[in-house]
Amino acid sequence: MKTVYALLALALASSTLSVHAEEAPAAAAPAASPLSFNLSLASEYRYRGIAQSRLQPALQGGVDYAAESGFYIGAWGSTIKWIKDAPYNGGANVEIDLYGGYKTEVAKGLTLDVGLLSYVYPGNDLNPSANTTEIYAAATFGPVTAKYSHSLTNLFGTADSKGSGYLDVSATFELGEGFTLTPHIGYQKLKNNDAGSYTDYALTLNKDYAGFTFGAAVIGTDTEAYQGGSSMDSLKNLGKTAFVVSVKKTF
């Protein structure tokens, strides 16, 4: 009988341990790192509709740190050609963007993002300098984002342009199977230079596949005022409509 009781006690203990094991919560998944990196290659670098790489390929990359509190900082860089183009001949072939800000949800589905962004062109000798600093504020509701950027300095080497503003609206629509579609329209108001103000537009299709993001976009502007080339005899319309492809890896 002692043997029977011992076996019953062992069976009961085993059953109790099994129930506790099933009820125990699964181990928590490791938190996502606040630090991320990205590297991309594009058939050309367009910014606000204007070609920055003289319609030629550009290598780009960046690093971002996003804290749980909503504060973030980052740096991003790209090869460029427009400063070396005639008529500028300004001696810089890289753009480095340094930025920081705060992003938070203020109501259900509504996110606000405010920050400061400096565009730095090492070695540029333009007068005024091409280096530019802007403050920005953006609001996102559902798939739509509206953003306004205001320059605290002259804008990209244009004299008397401090206080210029750029307003843009974009949306990101999930199409399924890793595809997203992003329409965009923006307006660059150049202070004290109405002739330099213009509208830009873009329609971008992205596909996430095997850890990469492949992009194809139609990008253009309504202006022919932004021109550049290796010589005055080879000026190109840097705002003309173009088809741009890219591949990006984030890790």
Protein backbone atom coordinates (compact mmCIF):
# COMPACT_ATOMS: atom_id res chain seq x y z
CA MET A 1 0.00 0.00 0.00
CA LYS A 2 2.89 2.36 0.76
CA THR A 3 4.14 1.74 -2.76
CA VAL A 4 0.71 2.55 -4.23
CA TYR A 5 0.46 5.77 -2.19
CA ALA A 6 3.94 6.77 -3.30
CA LEU A 7 3.06 6.24 -6.95
CA LEU A 8 -0.17 8.25 -6.56
CA ALA A 9 1.72 11.11 -4.91
CA LEU A 10 4.32 11.09 -7.68
CA ALA A 11 1.62 11.15 -10.36
CA LEU A 12 -0.17 14.05 -8.66
CA ALA A 13 3.04 16.04 -8.33
CA SER A 14 3.87 15.41 -11.98
CA SER A 15 0.38 16.54 -13.02
CA THR A 16 0.66 19.73 -10.94
CA LEU A 17 4.05 20.61 -12.43
CA SER A 18 2.63 20.05 -15.93
CA VAL A 19 -0.28 22.45 -15.31
CA HIS A 20 2.04 25.11 -13.91
CA ALA A 21 4.35 24.76 -16.88
CA GLU A 22 1.47 25.25 -19.30
CA GLU A 23 0.20 28.28 -17.37
CA ALA A 24 3.62 29.94 -17.17
CA PRO A 25 3.88 32.92 -19.50
CA ALA A 26 6.13 32.63 -22.54
CA ALA A 27 9.46 34.41 -22.34
CA ALA A 28 9.14 38.04 -23.46
CA ALA A 29 10.50 38.80 -26.91
CA PRO A 30 13.61 40.97 -26.85
CA ALA A 31 12.85 44.66 -27.22
CA ALA A 32 13.62 46.20 -30.58
CA SER A 33 16.90 48.10 -30.61
CA PRO A 34 16.54 51.90 -30.59
CA LEU A 35 19.50 52.06 -32.97
CA SER A 36 19.08 51.33 -36.69
CA PHE A 37 21.15 51.73 -39.84
CA ASN A 38 20.24 52.01 -43.51
CA LEU A 39 22.10 51.80 -46.79
CA SER A 40 20.67 52.46 -50.24
CA LEU A 41 21.52 52.90 -53.90
CA ALA A 42 19.36 55.05 -56.18
CA SER A 43 19.45 55.65 -59.92
CA GLU A 44 19.51 59.34 -58.98
CA TYR A 45 19.04 61.46 -55.86
CA ARG A 46 15.98 63.71 -55.97
CA TYR A 47 15.12 66.13 -53.17
CA ARG A 48 11.94 68.15 -53.30
CA GLY A 49 11.74 67.12 -56.93
CA ILE A 50 15.14 68.53 -57.92
CA ALA A 51 18.01 66.24 -58.98
CA GLN A 52 20.93 66.48 -56.55
CA SER A 53 23.20 64.05 -58.41
CA ARG A 54 22.93 65.49 -61.94
CA LEU A 55 20.54 62.70 -63.02
CA GLN A 56 23.20 60.10 -62.09
CA PRO A 57 23.24 57.30 -59.45
CA ALA A 58 23.75 58.12 -55.76
CA LEU A 59 24.98 56.07 -52.80
CA GLN A 60 23.22 56.86 -49.52
CA GLY A 61 23.21 55.72 -45.92
CA GLY A 62 22.23 56.74 -42.41
CA VAL A 63 21.94 55.94 -38.72
CA ASP A 64 19.00 56.63 -36.38
CA TYR A 65 18.46 56.45 -32.63
CA ALA A 66 14.83 56.52 -31.43
CA ALA A 67 14.18 56.48 -27.68
CA GLU A 68 11.00 55.06 -26.16
CA SER A 69 10.20 58.54 -24.85
CA GLY A 70 9.70 59.79 -28.44
CA PHE A 71 12.94 61.73 -28.80
CA TYR A 72 15.19 60.82 -31.73
CA ILE A 73 18.43 61.84 -33.41
CA GLY A 74 20.02 60.76 -36.65
CA ALA A 75 22.43 61.36 -39.48
CA TRP A 76 22.10 60.62 -43.18
CA GLY A 77 24.40 61.16 -46.15
CA SER A 78 24.38 61.00 -49.94
CA THR A 79 26.71 61.58 -52.82
CA ILE A 80 25.76 64.72 -54.81
CA LYS A 81 26.89 66.67 -57.86
CA TRP A 82 24.84 69.88 -57.98
CA ILE A 83 27.31 72.05 -56.06
CA LYS A 84 30.14 71.12 -58.41
CA ASP A 85 27.89 71.78 -61.42
CA ALA A 86 28.12 74.96 -63.42
CA PRO A 87 27.16 77.67 -62.65
CA TYR A 88 27.93 76.93 -58.97
CA ASN A 89 31.35 75.22 -59.23
CA GLY A 90 31.27 75.08 -55.45
CA GLY A 91 33.48 72.15 -54.53
CA ALA A 92 31.31 69.71 -52.48
CA ASN A 93 30.34 66.19 -53.52
CA VAL A 94 28.63 64.93 -50.34
CA GLU A 95 25.55 65.98 -48.39
CA ILE A 96 25.28 65.13 -44.69
CA ASP A 97 21.99 65.66 -42.85
CA LEU A 98 21.99 65.95 -39.05
CA TYR A 99 18.64 65.97 -37.29
CA GLY A 100 16.81 65.51 -34.02
CA GLY A 101 13.28 65.85 -32.76
CA TYR A 102 10.35 64.53 -30.80
CA LYS A 103 7.48 62.36 -32.04
CA THR A 104 4.40 61.40 -30.07
CA GLU A 105 0.77 60.36 -30.42
CA VAL A 106 -1.41 63.23 -29.13
CA ALA A 107 -4.77 61.58 -29.85
CA LYS A 108 -5.95 58.24 -31.16
CA GLY A 109 -4.51 57.90 -34.65
CA LEU A 110 -2.92 61.39 -34.62
CA THR A 111 0.87 61.69 -34.35
CA LEU A 112 2.88 64.92 -34.16
CA ASP A 113 6.57 65.21 -35.06
CA VAL A 114 8.70 68.34 -34.50
CA GLY A 115 12.42 68.77 -35.01
CA LEU A 116 15.50 70.51 -36.36
CA LEU A 117 17.41 69.50 -39.49
CA SER A 118 20.78 70.77 -40.76
CA TYR A 119 22.00 70.05 -44.28
CA VAL A 120 25.80 70.15 -44.34
CA TYR A 121 27.91 70.18 -47.53
CA PRO A 122 31.54 69.70 -46.41
CA GLY A 123 33.97 71.74 -48.48
CA ASN A 124 31.39 73.88 -50.25
CA ASP A 125 32.63 77.40 -50.92
CA LEU A 126 29.42 78.98 -52.16
CA ASN A 127 28.57 82.49 -51.00
CA PRO A 128 26.09 82.33 -49.32
CA SER A 129 27.00 78.86 -48.08
CA ALA A 130 24.95 75.90 -49.25
CA ASN A 131 24.68 74.72 -45.62
CA THR A 132 21.06 75.07 -44.51
CA THR A 133 19.15 74.64 -41.24
CA GLU A 134 15.39 74.15 -41.00
CA ILE A 135 12.84 73.52 -38.28
CA TYR A 136 9.89 71.30 -39.12
CA ALA A 137 6.54 70.12 -37.83
CA ALA A 138 4.51 67.21 -39.18
CA ALA A 139 1.13 65.67 -38.39
CA THR A 140 0.14 62.13 -39.36
CA PHE A 141 -3.42 60.85 -39.26
CA GLY A 142 -4.07 57.41 -40.65
CA PRO A 143 -2.09 57.06 -43.88
CA VAL A 144 -1.72 60.83 -44.49
CA THR A 145 1.14 63.10 -43.36
CA ALA A 146 1.32 66.88 -43.73
CA LYS A 147 4.64 68.59 -43.01
CA TYR A 148 5.95 72.15 -42.99
CA SER A 149 9.67 73.05 -43.00
CA HIS A 150 10.93 76.58 -42.33
CA SER A 151 14.50 77.71 -43.05
CA LEU A 152 16.45 79.47 -40.29
CA THR A 153 19.24 80.29 -42.75
CA ASN A 154 19.57 81.05 -46.43
CA LEU A 155 18.20 78.11 -48.40
CA PHE A 156 20.82 75.97 -50.16
CA GLY A 157 23.06 78.87 -51.16
CA THR A 158 20.34 81.25 -52.37
CA ALA A 159 20.90 84.84 -51.20
CA ASP A 160 18.27 86.58 -49.05
CA SER A 161 16.20 83.38 -48.76
CA LYS A 162 16.14 83.00 -44.96
CA GLY A 163 12.57 82.26 -43.92
CA SER A 164 11.69 80.15 -46.96
CA GLY A 165 9.09 77.44 -46.41
CA TYR A 166 8.27 74.03 -47.81
CA LEU A 167 4.85 72.42 -47.37
CA ASP A 168 4.20 68.86 -48.47
CA VAL A 169 1.48 66.25 -48.13
CA SER A 170 2.00 62.53 -48.64
CA ALA A 171 0.20 59.28 -47.90
CA THR A 172 1.27 55.67 -47.56
CA PHE A 173 -1.18 52.96 -48.62
CA GLU A 174 -0.58 49.29 -47.83
CA LEU A 175 -1.42 47.21 -50.91
CA GLY A 176 -0.60 43.80 -49.44
CA GLU A 177 2.13 41.30 -50.29
CA GLY A 178 4.75 43.81 -49.10
CA PHE A 179 3.73 46.55 -51.54
CA THR A 180 3.09 50.18 -50.52
CA LEU A 181 2.03 53.12 -52.68
CA THR A 182 3.02 56.68 -51.70
CA PRO A 183 1.68 59.74 -53.54
CA HIS A 184 3.28 63.10 -52.69
CA ILE A 185 2.90 66.76 -53.55
CA GLY A 186 4.89 69.70 -52.20
CA TYR A 187 5.36 73.43 -52.64
CA GLN A 188 8.69 75.21 -52.12
CA LYS A 189 8.23 78.91 -51.39
CA LEU A 190 11.52 80.73 -51.88
CA LYS A 191 11.49 83.96 -49.92
CA ASN A 192 12.22 87.11 -51.95
CA ASN A 193 12.33 85.03 -55.13
CA ASP A 194 8.94 84.16 -56.58
CA ALA A 195 10.58 82.89 -59.77
CA GLY A 196 12.39 80.26 -57.72
CA SER A 197 9.22 78.95 -56.05
CA TYR A 198 7.80 75.74 -57.49
CA THR A 199 5.63 72.66 -56.98
CA ASP A 200 6.98 69.10 -56.95
CA TYR A 201 5.22 65.75 -57.14
CA ALA A 202 6.00 62.06 -56.84
CA LEU A 203 4.33 58.66 -56.94
CA THR A 204 6.38 55.86 -55.37
CA LEU A 205 5.77 52.11 -55.34
CA ASN A 206 7.82 50.12 -52.80
CA LYS A 207 8.16 46.37 -52.34
CA ASP A 208 9.68 44.69 -49.28
CA TYR A 209 11.41 41.45 -50.23
CA ALA A 210 14.09 39.32 -48.57
CA GLY A 211 15.02 42.08 -46.12
CA PHE A 212 15.35 44.77 -48.80
CA THR A 213 13.02 47.55 -49.95
CA PHE A 214 12.87 48.01 -53.71
CA GLY A 215 11.42 51.30 -54.96
CA ALA A 216 10.22 52.75 -58.26
CA ALA A 217 9.06 56.36 -58.48
CA VAL A 218 7.92 58.99 -60.94
CA ILE A 219 9.24 62.35 -59.71
CA GLY A 220 9.05 65.83 -61.21
CA THR A 221 8.36 69.54 -60.81
CA ASP A 222 6.58 72.34 -62.65
CA THR A 223 9.78 74.33 -63.20
CA GLU A 224 12.72 74.42 -65.55
CA ALA A 225 14.57 77.01 -63.51
CA TYR A 226 16.87 74.58 -61.73
CA GLN A 227 19.62 73.66 -64.12
CA GLY A 228 23.11 72.25 -63.88
CA GLY A 229 25.79 70.48 -65.85
CA SER A 230 29.49 69.77 -66.08
CA SER A 231 29.85 72.83 -68.31
CA MET A 232 27.71 75.74 -69.43
CA ASP A 233 27.22 73.90 -72.72
CA SER A 234 25.64 70.88 -71.04
CA LEU A 235 22.97 72.44 -68.83
CA LYS A 236 20.21 70.03 -67.86
CA ASN A 237 16.76 70.59 -66.46
CA LEU A 238 17.22 69.10 -62.99
CA GLY A 239 13.50 69.32 -62.21
CA LYS A 240 12.20 67.44 -65.22
CA THR A 241 9.98 64.41 -64.70
CA ALA A 242 12.03 61.25 -64.24
CA PHE A 243 11.68 57.57 -63.35
CA VAL A 244 13.84 56.72 -60.34
CA VAL A 245 14.56 53.24 -58.98
CA SER A 246 16.25 52.34 -55.69
CA VAL A 247 17.10 49.52 -53.30
CA LYS A 248 17.44 49.97 -49.55
CA LYS A 249 18.55 47.77 -46.65
CA THR A 250 17.72 48.62 -43.03
CA PHE A 251 19.43 46.77 -40.19
